[in-house]
Structure formats: structure tokens, C-alpha cells
Amino acid sequence: MSLQNVHHIAIICSNYAVSKDFYVNKLGLSVIQEVYRKERDSYKLDLALNGHYVIELFSFPNPPTRPSRPEACGLRHLAFLVDDIETTISDLNSKGIETEPIRVDEYTGKKFTFFADPDGVPLELYSI
């Protein structure tokens, strides 16, 4: 087996318009392709970060909720690498996105913090 890279992360949202606005207009990801699948009453939005395909955002009618905190089994969080964590936090806060206090990774000495998408999916900022 020869895994090369992570291809994408798939996220199912409860409110497509709100999540699309969050990932595109607030976090700044760019739209690669948006498709409405009538037979599923579902949107699929492919998003890129710095030209790299990273997220598939899906909408489905009445998706079940999934526990994400505290420390639920399964995918723990999605982390974004940032050059300047303080500036990024300030930008998120100015858009009404709350962030946790900055912490320092005890092993790497790098700063990090968490925030959440509109459905409570944990997202992390991690300093370069």
C-alpha cells in the first residue's frame, strides 16, 4: 500500500447556506464546483484552500446529529495551519466566530486554538 496524501475531508451540514457562507466567506476557501443532486435533494460543494482541494461540503435532508464533544469517538477535529495565529483569531472574531484562548503545544512549543463551524464541528488553528 502506498498512501500519497489526504484527498479531502467530507462534512455534512445541517444548513447548507449557513455552512457555505462560513467556509467560503468567513474562512476564505474557494469554490471548485457546486452540484445539486435532485434525486438526493442534496448539494455537494467542493472547496479548495490555496488551490488545493480539501473539503466536500454536503447537505442532506434531516441528517442525524453526531456527538463531537467532549472527546467523542471518531474524527476529533480539522486543523488549519496559519502563519500568524493572533491575526487569524482577530479576523475570525471580527466575523463573529468565537475562539478558545490560545494554548501552547507542550511538545512542539507551537500556539494553537479551537473554534467551531455552524454545526459545532471542532476546527483548530495551528501556528507554523
Foldseek 3Di string as FASTA:
>chain_A
DDDDDDQEAEDEDADVVQLCCCVCVQVNWDWPDWDQDVVQNKIWTFTHDPPGTYYTYMYGPPDDADDQPDVDPDDNAAEDEDADVVVSQVSNVVVVWDKDDWDADPVPRWIKIWTAGPSRGIYMYIYD
